[in-house]
PDB file of all heavy atoms in Angstrom:
ATOM      1  N   ASN A   1     -18.724  62.192 -29.497  1.00  0.00           N
ATOM      2  CA  ASN A   1     -18.738  61.552 -28.147  1.00  0.00           C
ATOM      3  C   ASN A   1     -18.071  62.512 -27.112  1.00  0.00           C
ATOM      4  O   ASN A   1     -18.592  62.531 -25.982  1.00  0.00           O
ATOM      5  CB  ASN A   1     -18.078  60.154 -28.233  1.00  0.00           C
ATOM      6  CG  ASN A   1     -18.887  59.126 -28.964  1.00  0.00           C
ATOM      7  OD1 ASN A   1     -20.169  59.378 -29.269  1.00  0.00           O
ATOM      8  ND2 ASN A   1     -18.346  58.111 -29.509  1.00  0.00           N
ATOM      9  N   PHE A   2     -16.984  62.915 -27.470  1.00  0.00           N
ATOM     10  CA  PHE A   2     -16.185  63.826 -26.539  1.00  0.00           C
ATOM     11  C   PHE A   2     -16.933  65.029 -26.174  1.00  0.00           C
ATOM     12  O   PHE A   2     -16.974  65.409 -24.965  1.00  0.00           O
ATOM     13  CB  PHE A   2     -14.865  64.207 -27.140  1.00  0.00           C
ATOM     14  CG  PHE A   2     -13.995  65.056 -26.201  1.00  0.00           C
ATOM     15  CD1 PHE A   2     -13.278  64.571 -25.129  1.00  0.00           C
ATOM     16  CD2 PHE A   2     -14.082  66.403 -26.475  1.00  0.00           C
ATOM     17  CE1 PHE A   2     -12.531  65.395 -24.341  1.00  0.00           C
ATOM     18  CE2 PHE A   2     -13.228  67.292 -25.589  1.00  0.00           C
ATOM     19  CZ  PHE A   2     -12.467  66.794 -24.493  1.00  0.00           C
ATOM     20  N   VAL A   3     -17.552  65.670 -27.171  1.00  0.00           N
ATOM     21  CA  VAL A   3     -18.388  66.914 -27.031  1.00  0.00           C
ATOM     22  C   VAL A   3     -19.672  66.599 -26.200  1.00  0.00           C
ATOM     23  O   VAL A   3     -19.933  67.344 -25.209  1.00  0.00           O
ATOM     24  CB  VAL A   3     -18.783  67.576 -28.247  1.00  0.00           C
ATOM     25  CG1 VAL A   3     -19.886  68.541 -28.111  1.00  0.00           C
ATOM     26  CG2 VAL A   3     -17.585  68.121 -29.007  1.00  0.00           C
ATOM     27  N   GLU A   4     -20.277  65.456 -26.336  1.00  0.00           N
ATOM     28  CA  GLU A   4     -21.451  65.215 -25.582  1.00  0.00           C
ATOM     29  C   GLU A   4     -20.995  64.828 -24.083  1.00  0.00           C
ATOM     30  O   GLU A   4     -21.853  65.206 -23.151  1.00  0.00           O
ATOM     31  CB  GLU A   4     -22.158  63.909 -26.195  1.00  0.00           C
ATOM     32  CG  GLU A   4     -22.841  64.087 -27.508  1.00  0.00           C
ATOM     33  CD  GLU A   4     -23.415  62.966 -28.135  1.00  0.00           C
ATOM     34  OE1 GLU A   4     -23.140  61.839 -27.598  1.00  0.00           O
ATOM     35  OE2 GLU A   4     -24.130  63.124 -29.104  1.00  0.00           O
ATOM     36  N   LYS A   5     -19.910  64.242 -23.983  1.00  0.00           N
ATOM     37  CA  LYS A   5     -19.360  63.925 -22.553  1.00  0.00           C
ATOM     38  C   LYS A   5     -19.152  65.281 -21.879  1.00  0.00           C
ATOM     39  O   LYS A   5     -19.510  65.446 -20.613  1.00  0.00           O
ATOM     40  CB  LYS A   5     -18.130  63.146 -22.597  1.00  0.00           C
ATOM     41  CG  LYS A   5     -17.574  62.757 -21.241  1.00  0.00           C
ATOM     42  CD  LYS A   5     -16.310  61.869 -21.369  1.00  0.00           C
ATOM     43  CE  LYS A   5     -15.646  61.632 -19.956  1.00  0.00           C
ATOM     44  NZ  LYS A   5     -14.512  60.812 -20.026  1.00  0.00           N
ATOM     45  N   LYS A   6     -18.479  66.199 -22.534  1.00  0.00           N
ATOM     46  CA  LYS A   6     -18.246  67.573 -21.879  1.00  0.00           C
ATOM     47  C   LYS A   6     -19.521  68.263 -21.588  1.00  0.00           C
ATOM     48  O   LYS A   6     -19.633  68.948 -20.493  1.00  0.00           O
ATOM     49  CB  LYS A   6     -17.527  68.385 -22.959  1.00  0.00           C
ATOM     50  CG  LYS A   6     -16.034  67.808 -23.097  1.00  0.00           C
ATOM     51  CD  LYS A   6     -15.088  68.354 -22.138  1.00  0.00           C
ATOM     52  CE  LYS A   6     -14.738  69.834 -22.368  1.00  0.00           C
ATOM     53  NZ  LYS A   6     -13.646  70.255 -21.491  1.00  0.00           N
ATOM     54  N   LYS A   7     -20.540  68.218 -22.416  1.00  0.00           N
ATOM     55  CA  LYS A   7     -21.850  68.720 -22.152  1.00  0.00           C
ATOM     56  C   LYS A   7     -22.519  68.172 -20.862  1.00  0.00           C
ATOM     57  O   LYS A   7     -23.025  68.921 -20.028  1.00  0.00           O
ATOM     58  CB  LYS A   7     -22.809  68.636 -23.297  1.00  0.00           C
ATOM     59  CG  LYS A   7     -22.407  69.555 -24.492  1.00  0.00           C
ATOM     60  CD  LYS A   7     -23.535  69.443 -25.563  1.00  0.00           C
ATOM     61  CE  LYS A   7     -23.079  70.340 -26.774  1.00  0.00           C
ATOM     62  NZ  LYS A   7     -24.068  70.219 -27.851  1.00  0.00           N
ATOM     63  N   GLU A   8     -22.296  66.815 -20.593  1.00  0.00           N
ATOM     64  CA  GLU A   8     -22.865  66.215 -19.465  1.00  0.00           C
ATOM     65  C   GLU A   8     -22.197  66.791 -18.185  1.00  0.00           C
ATOM     66  O   GLU A   8     -22.754  67.025 -17.193  1.00  0.00           O
ATOM     67  CB  GLU A   8     -22.766  64.624 -19.590  1.00  0.00           C
ATOM     68  CG  GLU A   8     -23.654  64.084 -20.564  1.00  0.00           C
ATOM     69  CD  GLU A   8     -23.391  62.626 -20.658  1.00  0.00           C
ATOM     70  OE1 GLU A   8     -22.702  62.080 -19.919  1.00  0.00           O
ATOM     71  OE2 GLU A   8     -24.117  61.932 -21.548  1.00  0.00           O
ATOM     72  N   GLN A   9     -20.761  66.943 -18.319  1.00  0.00           N
ATOM     73  CA  GLN A   9     -20.079  67.446 -17.177  1.00  0.00           C
ATOM     74  C   GLN A   9     -20.527  68.929 -16.925  1.00  0.00           C
ATOM     75  O   GLN A   9     -20.548  69.330 -15.776  1.00  0.00           O
ATOM     76  CB  GLN A   9     -18.583  67.421 -17.577  1.00  0.00           C
ATOM     77  CG  GLN A   9     -17.997  66.027 -17.695  1.00  0.00           C
ATOM     78  CD  GLN A   9     -16.563  65.983 -18.037  1.00  0.00           C
ATOM     79  OE1 GLN A   9     -16.057  66.973 -18.365  1.00  0.00           O
ATOM     80  NE2 GLN A   9     -16.055  64.744 -18.014  1.00  0.00           N
ATOM     81  N   LYS A  10     -20.751  69.701 -17.943  1.00  0.00           N
ATOM     82  CA  LYS A  10     -21.098  71.027 -17.732  1.00  0.00           C
ATOM     83  C   LYS A  10     -22.502  71.212 -17.078  1.00  0.00           C
ATOM     84  O   LYS A  10     -22.656  71.983 -16.172  1.00  0.00           O
ATOM     85  CB  LYS A  10     -21.176  71.712 -19.187  1.00  0.00           C
ATOM     86  CG  LYS A  10     -21.794  73.052 -19.057  1.00  0.00           C
ATOM     87  CD  LYS A  10     -22.007  73.696 -20.502  1.00  0.00           C
ATOM     88  CE  LYS A  10     -22.702  74.951 -20.489  1.00  0.00           C
ATOM     89  NZ  LYS A  10     -22.911  75.566 -21.876  1.00  0.00           N
ATOM     90  N   ASN A  11     -23.399  70.349 -17.399  1.00  0.00           N
ATOM     91  CA  ASN A  11     -24.738  70.272 -16.818  1.00  0.00           C
ATOM     92  C   ASN A  11     -24.666  69.979 -15.409  1.00  0.00           C
ATOM     93  O   ASN A  11     -25.395  70.549 -14.571  1.00  0.00           O
ATOM     94  CB  ASN A  11     -25.743  69.282 -17.550  1.00  0.00           C
ATOM     95  CG  ASN A  11     -26.065  69.779 -18.927  1.00  0.00           C
ATOM     96  OD1 ASN A  11     -26.081  70.980 -19.276  1.00  0.00           O
ATOM     97  ND2 ASN A  11     -26.414  68.913 -19.830  1.00  0.00           N
ATOM     98  N   GLN A  12     -23.786  69.013 -14.977  1.00  0.00           N
ATOM     99  CA  GLN A  12     -23.551  68.627 -13.660  1.00  0.00           C
ATOM    100  C   GLN A  12     -23.027  69.957 -12.796  1.00  0.00           C
ATOM    101  O   GLN A  12     -23.417  70.145 -11.697  1.00  0.00           O
ATOM    102  CB  GLN A  12     -22.775  67.451 -13.460  1.00  0.00           C
ATOM    103  CG  GLN A  12     -23.268  66.181 -14.098  1.00  0.00           C
ATOM    104  CD  GLN A  12     -22.321  65.065 -14.063  1.00  0.00           C
ATOM    105  OE1 GLN A  12     -21.165  65.162 -13.771  1.00  0.00           O
ATOM    106  NE2 GLN A  12     -22.741  63.906 -14.635  1.00  0.00           N
ATOM    107  N   MET A  13     -22.018  70.627 -13.482  1.00  0.00           N
ATOM    108  CA  MET A  13     -21.495  71.756 -12.824  1.00  0.00           C
ATOM    109  C   MET A  13     -22.471  72.797 -12.521  1.00  0.00           C
ATOM    110  O   MET A  13     -22.459  73.558 -11.490  1.00  0.00           O
ATOM    111  CB  MET A  13     -20.292  72.274 -13.631  1.00  0.00           C
ATOM    112  CG  MET A  13     -19.045  71.335 -13.738  1.00  0.00           C
ATOM    113  SD  MET A  13     -17.922  71.790 -15.050  1.00  0.00           S
ATOM    114  CE  MET A  13     -17.665  73.519 -14.679  1.00  0.00           C
ATOM    115  N   VAL A  14     -23.403  73.011 -13.495  1.00  0.00           N
ATOM    116  CA  VAL A  14     -24.350  74.135 -13.440  1.00  0.00           C
ATOM    117  C   VAL A  14     -25.228  74.004 -12.267  1.00  0.00           C
ATOM    118  O   VAL A  14     -25.701  74.890 -11.608  1.00  0.00           O
ATOM    119  CB  VAL A  14     -25.109  74.261 -14.725  1.00  0.00           C
ATOM    120  CG1 VAL A  14     -26.313  75.226 -14.648  1.00  0.00           C
ATOM    121  CG2 VAL A  14     -24.146  74.886 -15.851  1.00  0.00           C
ATOM    122  N   HIS A  15     -25.588  72.715 -11.963  1.00  0.00           N
ATOM    123  CA  HIS A  15     -26.550  72.422 -10.902  1.00  0.00           C
ATOM    124  C   HIS A  15     -25.974  72.184  -9.493  1.00  0.00           C
ATOM    125  O   HIS A  15     -26.639  71.958  -8.570  1.00  0.00           O
ATOM    126  CB  HIS A  15     -27.450  71.159 -11.230  1.00  0.00           C
ATOM    127  CG  HIS A  15     -28.400  71.345 -12.356  1.00  0.00           C
ATOM    128  ND1 HIS A  15     -27.967  71.172 -13.734  1.00  0.00           N
ATOM    129  CD2 HIS A  15     -29.598  71.689 -12.419  1.00  0.00           C
ATOM    130  CE1 HIS A  15     -29.038  71.379 -14.493  1.00  0.00           C
ATOM    131  NE2 HIS A  15     -30.040  71.768 -13.770  1.00  0.00           N
ATOM    132  N   GLN A  16     -24.639  72.485  -9.509  1.00  0.00           N
ATOM    133  CA  GLN A  16     -23.937  72.423  -8.216  1.00  0.00           C
ATOM    134  C   GLN A  16     -24.000  73.829  -7.584  1.00  0.00           C
ATOM    135  O   GLN A  16     -23.959  74.884  -8.399  1.00  0.00           O
ATOM    136  CB  GLN A  16     -22.471  72.006  -8.265  1.00  0.00           C
ATOM    137  CG  GLN A  16     -22.295  70.538  -8.702  1.00  0.00           C
ATOM    138  CD  GLN A  16     -20.866  70.161  -8.949  1.00  0.00           C
ATOM    139  OE1 GLN A  16     -20.027  71.041  -8.864  1.00  0.00           O
ATOM    140  NE2 GLN A  16     -20.643  68.885  -9.236  1.00  0.00           N
ATOM    141  N   PRO A  17     -24.076  74.011  -6.238  1.00  0.00           N
ATOM    142  CA  PRO A  17     -24.208  75.295  -5.590  1.00  0.00           C
ATOM    143  C   PRO A  17     -22.965  76.044  -5.795  1.00  0.00           C
ATOM    144  O   PRO A  17     -22.968  77.311  -5.727  1.00  0.00           O
ATOM    145  CB  PRO A  17     -24.509  74.988  -4.132  1.00  0.00           C
ATOM    146  CG  PRO A  17     -24.005  73.543  -3.864  1.00  0.00           C
ATOM    147  CD  PRO A  17     -24.245  72.848  -5.205  1.00  0.00           C
ATOM    148  N   MET A  18     -21.815  75.420  -5.859  1.00  0.00           N
ATOM    149  CA  MET A  18     -20.556  76.132  -6.083  1.00  0.00           C
ATOM    150  C   MET A  18     -19.511  75.253  -6.711  1.00  0.00           C
ATOM    151  O   MET A  18     -19.466  74.135  -6.388  1.00  0.00           O
ATOM    152  CB  MET A  18     -20.039  76.655  -4.598  1.00  0.00           C
ATOM    153  CG  MET A  18     -18.718  77.373  -4.665  1.00  0.00           C
ATOM    154  SD  MET A  18     -18.281  77.975  -3.002  1.00  0.00           S
ATOM    155  CE  MET A  18     -17.953  76.364  -2.188  1.00  0.00           C
ATOM    156  N   VAL A  19     -18.639  75.792  -7.529  1.00  0.00           N
ATOM    157  CA  VAL A  19     -17.670  75.092  -8.215  1.00  0.00           C
ATOM    158  C   VAL A  19     -16.298  75.400  -7.547  1.00  0.00           C
ATOM    159  O   VAL A  19     -15.973  76.559  -7.491  1.00  0.00           O
ATOM    160  CB  VAL A  19     -17.537  75.472  -9.717  1.00  0.00           C
ATOM    161  CG1 VAL A  19     -16.466  74.890 -10.359  1.00  0.00           C
ATOM    162  CG2 VAL A  19     -18.914  75.069 -10.425  1.00  0.00           C
ATOM    163  N   THR A  20     -15.693  74.446  -7.053  1.00  0.00           N
ATOM    164  CA  THR A  20     -14.451  74.572  -6.323  1.00  0.00           C
ATOM    165  C   THR A  20     -13.268  74.239  -7.100  1.00  0.00           C
ATOM    166  O   THR A  20     -12.124  74.507  -6.792  1.00  0.00           O
ATOM    167  CB  THR A  20     -14.510  73.783  -5.019  1.00  0.00           C
ATOM    168  OG1 THR A  20     -14.669  72.398  -5.338  1.00  0.00           O
ATOM    169  CG2 THR A  20     -15.513  74.309  -4.129  1.00  0.00           C
ATOM    170  N   ASN A  21     -13.406  73.387  -8.134  1.00  0.00           N
ATOM    171  CA  ASN A  21     -12.301  72.828  -8.953  1.00  0.00           C
ATOM    172  C   ASN A  21     -12.786  72.575 -10.303  1.00  0.00           C
ATOM    173  O   ASN A  21     -13.896  72.108 -10.581  1.00  0.00           O
ATOM    174  CB  ASN A  21     -11.732  71.548  -8.266  1.00  0.00           C
ATOM    175  CG  ASN A  21     -10.551  71.017  -9.072  1.00  0.00           C
ATOM    176  OD1 ASN A  21      -9.724  71.925  -9.498  1.00  0.00           O
ATOM    177  ND2 ASN A  21     -10.334  69.804  -9.084  1.00  0.00           N
ATOM    178  N   LEU A  22     -11.991  72.922 -11.298  1.00  0.00           N
ATOM    179  CA  LEU A  22     -12.200  72.566 -12.678  1.00  0.00           C
ATOM    180  C   LEU A  22     -11.273  71.545 -13.136  1.00  0.00           C
ATOM    181  O   LEU A  22     -10.067  71.712 -12.868  1.00  0.00           O
ATOM    182  CB  LEU A  22     -12.106  73.874 -13.482  1.00  0.00           C
ATOM    183  CG  LEU A  22     -13.026  75.046 -13.198  1.00  0.00           C
ATOM    184  CD1 LEU A  22     -12.717  76.161 -14.092  1.00  0.00           C
ATOM    185  CD2 LEU A  22     -14.442  74.613 -13.479  1.00  0.00           C
ATOM    186  N   ASP A  23     -11.726  70.605 -13.837  1.00  0.00           N
ATOM    187  CA  ASP A  23     -10.796  69.520 -14.319  1.00  0.00           C
ATOM    188  C   ASP A  23      -9.737  70.057 -15.257  1.00  0.00           C
ATOM    189  O   ASP A  23     -10.018  71.012 -16.010  1.00  0.00           O
ATOM    190  CB  ASP A  23     -11.661  68.482 -15.023  1.00  0.00           C
ATOM    191  CG  ASP A  23     -10.921  67.182 -15.280  1.00  0.00           C
ATOM    192  OD1 ASP A  23     -10.705  66.412 -14.262  1.00  0.00           O
ATOM    193  OD2 ASP A  23     -10.366  66.930 -16.380  1.00  0.00           O
ATOM    194  N   ASP A  24      -8.547  69.348 -15.234  1.00  0.00           N
ATOM    195  CA  ASP A  24      -7.472  69.950 -16.069  1.00  0.00           C
ATOM    196  C   ASP A  24      -7.757  69.796 -17.527  1.00  0.00           C
ATOM    197  O   ASP A  24      -7.191  70.533 -18.283  1.00  0.00           O
ATOM    198  CB  ASP A  24      -6.152  69.133 -15.785  1.00  0.00           C
ATOM    199  CG  ASP A  24      -5.598  69.418 -14.399  1.00  0.00           C
ATOM    200  OD1 ASP A  24      -5.893  70.510 -13.839  1.00  0.00           O
ATOM    201  OD2 ASP A  24      -4.892  68.644 -13.848  1.00  0.00           O
ATOM    202  N   ASP A  25      -8.746  68.939 -17.944  1.00  0.00           N
ATOM    203  CA  ASP A  25      -8.860  68.901 -19.451  1.00  0.00           C
ATOM    204  C   ASP A  25      -9.728  69.943 -19.951  1.00  0.00           C
ATOM    205  O   ASP A  25     -10.178  70.033 -21.054  1.00  0.00           O
ATOM    206  CB  ASP A  25      -9.492  67.472 -19.771  1.00  0.00           C
ATOM    207  CG  ASP A  25     -10.856  67.317 -19.339  1.00  0.00           C
ATOM    208  OD1 ASP A  25     -11.300  68.097 -18.447  1.00  0.00           O
ATOM    209  OD2 ASP A  25     -11.507  66.255 -19.720  1.00  0.00           O
ATOM    210  N   ASP A  26     -10.315  70.870 -19.051  1.00  0.00           N
ATOM    211  CA  ASP A  26     -11.039  71.989 -19.589  1.00  0.00           C
ATOM    212  C   ASP A  26     -10.021  72.934 -20.334  1.00  0.00           C
ATOM    213  O   ASP A  26      -9.122  73.407 -19.833  1.00  0.00           O
ATOM    214  CB  ASP A  26     -11.652  72.750 -18.358  1.00  0.00           C
ATOM    215  CG  ASP A  26     -12.885  71.922 -17.902  1.00  0.00           C
ATOM    216  OD1 ASP A  26     -13.546  71.296 -18.706  1.00  0.00           O
ATOM    217  OD2 ASP A  26     -13.257  72.153 -16.730  1.00  0.00           O
ATOM    218  N   ASP A  27     -10.488  73.247 -21.562  1.00  0.00           N
ATOM    219  CA  ASP A  27      -9.712  73.978 -22.477  1.00  0.00           C
ATOM    220  C   ASP A  27      -9.913  75.454 -22.343  1.00  0.00           C
ATOM    221  O   ASP A  27     -10.994  75.942 -22.300  1.00  0.00           O
ATOM    222  CB  ASP A  27     -10.040  73.508 -23.874  1.00  0.00           C
ATOM    223  CG  ASP A  27      -8.941  73.746 -24.808  1.00  0.00           C
ATOM    224  OD1 ASP A  27      -8.340  74.835 -24.708  1.00  0.00           O
ATOM    225  OD2 ASP A  27      -8.660  72.952 -25.793  1.00  0.00           O
ATOM    226  N   ASP A  28      -8.829  76.272 -22.380  1.00  0.00           N
ATOM    227  CA  ASP A  28      -8.910  77.668 -22.350  1.00  0.00           C
ATOM    228  C   ASP A  28      -9.678  78.274 -23.510  1.00  0.00           C
ATOM    229  O   ASP A  28     -10.350  79.316 -23.398  1.00  0.00           O
ATOM    230  CB  ASP A  28      -7.557  78.398 -22.325  1.00  0.00           C
ATOM    231  CG  ASP A  28      -6.798  78.092 -20.940  1.00  0.00           C
ATOM    232  OD1 ASP A  28      -7.491  77.714 -20.026  1.00  0.00           O
ATOM    233  OD2 ASP A  28      -5.536  78.222 -20.947  1.00  0.00           O
TER     234      ASP A  28
END
C-alpha cells in the first residue's frame, strides 16, 4: 500500500509543469 501511494504521488509530480518542493518522506 505504501509503494502504491508513492507511485500515485510520483505520477502527480510528473504531470506538473515544475516541482518546487519535495515531501520530507522522499527517501534518498
